[in-house]
N, C-alpha and C. Protein backbone atom coordinates (compact mmCIF):
# COMPACT_ATOMS: atom_id res chain seq x y z
N MET A 1 0.84 -1.17 0.00
CA MET A 1 0.00 0.00 0.00
C MET A 1 0.89 1.24 0.00
N LEU A 2 0.47 2.25 -0.75
CA LEU A 2 1.17 3.53 -0.82
C LEU A 2 0.34 4.56 -0.07
N GLU A 3 0.96 5.21 0.91
CA GLU A 3 0.28 6.21 1.73
C GLU A 3 1.05 7.53 1.59
N ILE A 4 0.37 8.55 1.07
CA ILE A 4 1.01 9.84 0.81
C ILE A 4 0.43 10.87 1.78
N HIS A 5 1.31 11.52 2.53
CA HIS A 5 0.93 12.61 3.44
C HIS A 5 1.38 13.90 2.75
N TYR A 6 0.44 14.83 2.55
CA TYR A 6 0.80 16.03 1.78
C TYR A 6 0.00 17.25 2.23
N PHE A 7 0.47 18.41 1.78
CA PHE A 7 -0.20 19.69 1.98
C PHE A 7 -0.53 20.25 0.61
N SER A 8 -1.75 20.75 0.42
CA SER A 8 -2.16 21.23 -0.90
C SER A 8 -1.66 22.64 -1.21
N SER A 9 -1.14 23.36 -0.22
CA SER A 9 -0.51 24.65 -0.47
C SER A 9 0.53 24.89 0.63
N LYS A 10 1.44 25.83 0.37
CA LYS A 10 2.49 26.08 1.37
C LYS A 10 1.94 26.75 2.62
N ASN A 11 0.75 27.34 2.54
CA ASN A 11 0.11 27.95 3.71
C ASN A 11 -0.83 27.01 4.43
N ASP A 12 -1.01 25.82 3.89
CA ASP A 12 -1.92 24.83 4.45
C ASP A 12 -1.32 24.23 5.71
N THR A 13 -2.09 24.20 6.78
CA THR A 13 -1.62 23.59 8.03
C THR A 13 -2.25 22.23 8.26
N GLN A 14 -3.23 21.88 7.45
CA GLN A 14 -3.92 20.60 7.58
C GLN A 14 -3.32 19.58 6.61
N GLU A 15 -2.66 18.58 7.15
CA GLU A 15 -2.09 17.52 6.32
C GLU A 15 -3.21 16.61 5.81
N THR A 16 -3.11 16.22 4.56
CA THR A 16 -4.06 15.30 3.94
C THR A 16 -3.34 13.99 3.67
N ILE A 17 -4.06 12.89 3.78
CA ILE A 17 -3.48 11.57 3.51
C ILE A 17 -4.28 10.91 2.39
N LYS A 18 -3.57 10.45 1.38
CA LYS A 18 -4.18 9.74 0.24
C LYS A 18 -3.51 8.37 0.15
N THR A 19 -4.31 7.33 -0.04
CA THR A 19 -3.75 5.98 -0.14
C THR A 19 -4.10 5.34 -1.47
N TYR A 20 -3.20 4.48 -1.92
CA TYR A 20 -3.39 3.69 -3.14
C TYR A 20 -3.01 2.26 -2.81
N GLN A 21 -3.65 1.31 -3.44
CA GLN A 21 -3.33 -0.10 -3.21
C GLN A 21 -1.89 -0.41 -3.60
N THR A 22 -1.43 0.17 -4.73
CA THR A 22 -0.06 -0.06 -5.20
C THR A 22 0.51 1.25 -5.71
N SER A 23 1.83 1.30 -5.86
CA SER A 23 2.46 2.48 -6.45
C SER A 23 2.05 2.63 -7.91
N SER A 24 1.77 1.52 -8.59
CA SER A 24 1.31 1.57 -9.98
C SER A 24 -0.05 2.26 -10.09
N ASP A 25 -0.90 2.08 -9.09
CA ASP A 25 -2.20 2.75 -9.08
C ASP A 25 -2.01 4.27 -9.00
N PHE A 26 -1.06 4.70 -8.16
CA PHE A 26 -0.74 6.13 -8.06
C PHE A 26 -0.23 6.66 -9.39
N LEU A 27 0.71 5.96 -10.00
CA LEU A 27 1.28 6.40 -11.27
C LEU A 27 0.19 6.51 -12.34
N ALA A 28 -0.68 5.51 -12.41
CA ALA A 28 -1.77 5.53 -13.40
C ALA A 28 -2.70 6.73 -13.17
N ALA A 29 -3.00 7.03 -11.92
CA ALA A 29 -3.88 8.15 -11.60
C ALA A 29 -3.24 9.49 -11.97
N GLN A 30 -1.92 9.56 -11.89
CA GLN A 30 -1.22 10.80 -12.24
C GLN A 30 -1.11 11.00 -13.75
N TYR A 31 -1.22 9.93 -14.52
CA TYR A 31 -1.17 10.03 -15.98
C TYR A 31 -2.48 10.52 -16.59
N LEU A 32 -3.55 10.55 -15.80
CA LEU A 32 -4.85 10.99 -16.31
C LEU A 32 -4.81 12.45 -16.74
N GLU A 33 -5.73 12.83 -17.62
CA GLU A 33 -5.79 14.22 -18.06
C GLU A 33 -5.93 15.17 -16.87
N VAL A 34 -6.74 14.77 -15.91
CA VAL A 34 -6.86 15.50 -14.64
C VAL A 34 -6.37 14.55 -13.55
N PRO A 35 -5.10 14.71 -13.14
CA PRO A 35 -4.53 13.78 -12.17
C PRO A 35 -5.18 13.91 -10.78
N ASP A 36 -5.04 12.85 -9.98
CA ASP A 36 -5.58 12.87 -8.61
C ASP A 36 -4.99 14.00 -7.79
N LEU A 37 -3.68 14.18 -7.88
CA LEU A 37 -2.96 15.16 -7.06
C LEU A 37 -2.14 16.09 -7.95
N GLN A 38 -2.10 17.36 -7.58
CA GLN A 38 -1.34 18.33 -8.35
C GLN A 38 0.17 18.16 -8.10
N ASP A 39 0.96 18.37 -9.14
CA ASP A 39 2.41 18.17 -9.07
C ASP A 39 3.08 18.98 -7.97
N TYR A 40 2.58 20.17 -7.71
CA TYR A 40 3.24 21.09 -6.77
C TYR A 40 2.90 20.82 -5.30
N PHE A 41 1.95 19.94 -5.00
CA PHE A 41 1.62 19.66 -3.60
C PHE A 41 2.86 19.23 -2.85
N ALA A 42 3.04 19.77 -1.64
CA ALA A 42 4.19 19.45 -0.80
C ALA A 42 3.96 18.14 -0.06
N VAL A 43 4.90 17.23 -0.20
CA VAL A 43 4.82 15.92 0.45
C VAL A 43 5.57 15.97 1.77
N SER A 44 4.91 15.56 2.85
CA SER A 44 5.58 15.52 4.14
C SER A 44 6.12 14.13 4.46
N LYS A 45 5.41 13.09 3.98
CA LYS A 45 5.85 11.72 4.25
C LYS A 45 5.17 10.78 3.26
N VAL A 46 5.91 9.75 2.84
CA VAL A 46 5.35 8.71 1.97
C VAL A 46 5.73 7.36 2.53
N LEU A 47 4.75 6.48 2.69
CA LEU A 47 4.99 5.12 3.16
C LEU A 47 4.63 4.15 2.04
N LEU A 48 5.53 3.25 1.73
CA LEU A 48 5.28 2.19 0.75
C LEU A 48 5.42 0.88 1.49
N ASP A 49 4.32 0.17 1.63
CA ASP A 49 4.27 -1.09 2.39
C ASP A 49 4.86 -0.91 3.79
N GLY A 50 4.52 0.22 4.43
CA GLY A 50 4.94 0.49 5.81
C GLY A 50 6.32 1.09 5.96
N GLU A 51 7.09 1.21 4.89
CA GLU A 51 8.44 1.77 4.95
C GLU A 51 8.44 3.17 4.36
N GLU A 52 9.06 4.11 5.08
CA GLU A 52 9.11 5.49 4.61
C GLU A 52 10.11 5.65 3.46
N LEU A 53 9.67 6.33 2.40
CA LEU A 53 10.54 6.61 1.26
C LEU A 53 11.30 7.90 1.52
N LYS A 54 12.54 7.95 1.11
CA LYS A 54 13.37 9.15 1.23
C LYS A 54 13.37 9.85 -0.12
N LEU A 55 12.69 10.98 -0.19
CA LEU A 55 12.58 11.73 -1.44
C LEU A 55 13.50 12.95 -1.40
N GLU A 56 14.20 13.20 -2.51
CA GLU A 56 14.98 14.42 -2.62
C GLU A 56 14.06 15.59 -2.94
N ASP A 57 13.12 15.38 -3.86
CA ASP A 57 12.14 16.39 -4.25
C ASP A 57 10.84 16.06 -3.52
N LYS A 58 10.53 16.81 -2.49
CA LYS A 58 9.37 16.51 -1.65
C LYS A 58 8.10 17.16 -2.19
N THR A 59 7.77 16.79 -3.44
CA THR A 59 6.52 17.21 -4.07
C THR A 59 5.88 15.98 -4.69
N ILE A 60 4.64 16.11 -5.13
CA ILE A 60 3.97 15.01 -5.81
C ILE A 60 4.74 14.66 -7.08
N LEU A 61 5.23 15.67 -7.81
CA LEU A 61 6.03 15.42 -9.00
C LEU A 61 7.30 14.65 -8.65
N GLY A 62 7.95 15.02 -7.56
CA GLY A 62 9.14 14.30 -7.11
C GLY A 62 8.84 12.85 -6.78
N LEU A 63 7.71 12.61 -6.13
CA LEU A 63 7.29 11.24 -5.81
C LEU A 63 7.00 10.47 -7.10
N PHE A 64 6.29 11.11 -8.02
CA PHE A 64 5.99 10.47 -9.30
C PHE A 64 7.28 10.07 -10.01
N ASN A 65 8.23 10.99 -10.11
CA ASN A 65 9.49 10.70 -10.78
C ASN A 65 10.26 9.58 -10.07
N PHE A 66 10.27 9.60 -8.74
CA PHE A 66 10.96 8.57 -7.96
C PHE A 66 10.36 7.19 -8.23
N LEU A 67 9.04 7.10 -8.15
CA LEU A 67 8.38 5.79 -8.37
C LEU A 67 8.45 5.36 -9.83
N ASN A 68 8.35 6.31 -10.75
CA ASN A 68 8.40 5.98 -12.17
C ASN A 68 9.79 5.48 -12.56
N SER A 69 10.83 6.06 -12.00
CA SER A 69 12.20 5.62 -12.33
C SER A 69 12.52 4.28 -11.68
N SER A 70 11.91 4.00 -10.54
CA SER A 70 12.18 2.72 -9.87
C SER A 70 11.46 1.57 -10.54
N LYS A 71 10.46 1.87 -11.39
CA LYS A 71 9.73 0.82 -12.12
C LYS A 71 10.53 0.30 -13.30
N ASN A 72 11.49 1.11 -13.79
CA ASN A 72 12.27 0.73 -14.98
C ASN A 72 13.50 -0.07 -14.62
């Protein structure tokens, strides 16, 4: 399971959590014409099967790039 903790703006104080069954489900949702999450959303924490991922770019786009490159 992929669990994404994020803020929808830099002034947002309320963290939102979005979950996907697999990282592939997240990637597929981001490829849609209107993606689930905007690229610029700030990511505070990501858990993949209970393990925290270490992202250099802490945005949804950074997460997408990280997961997309690890699939290849």
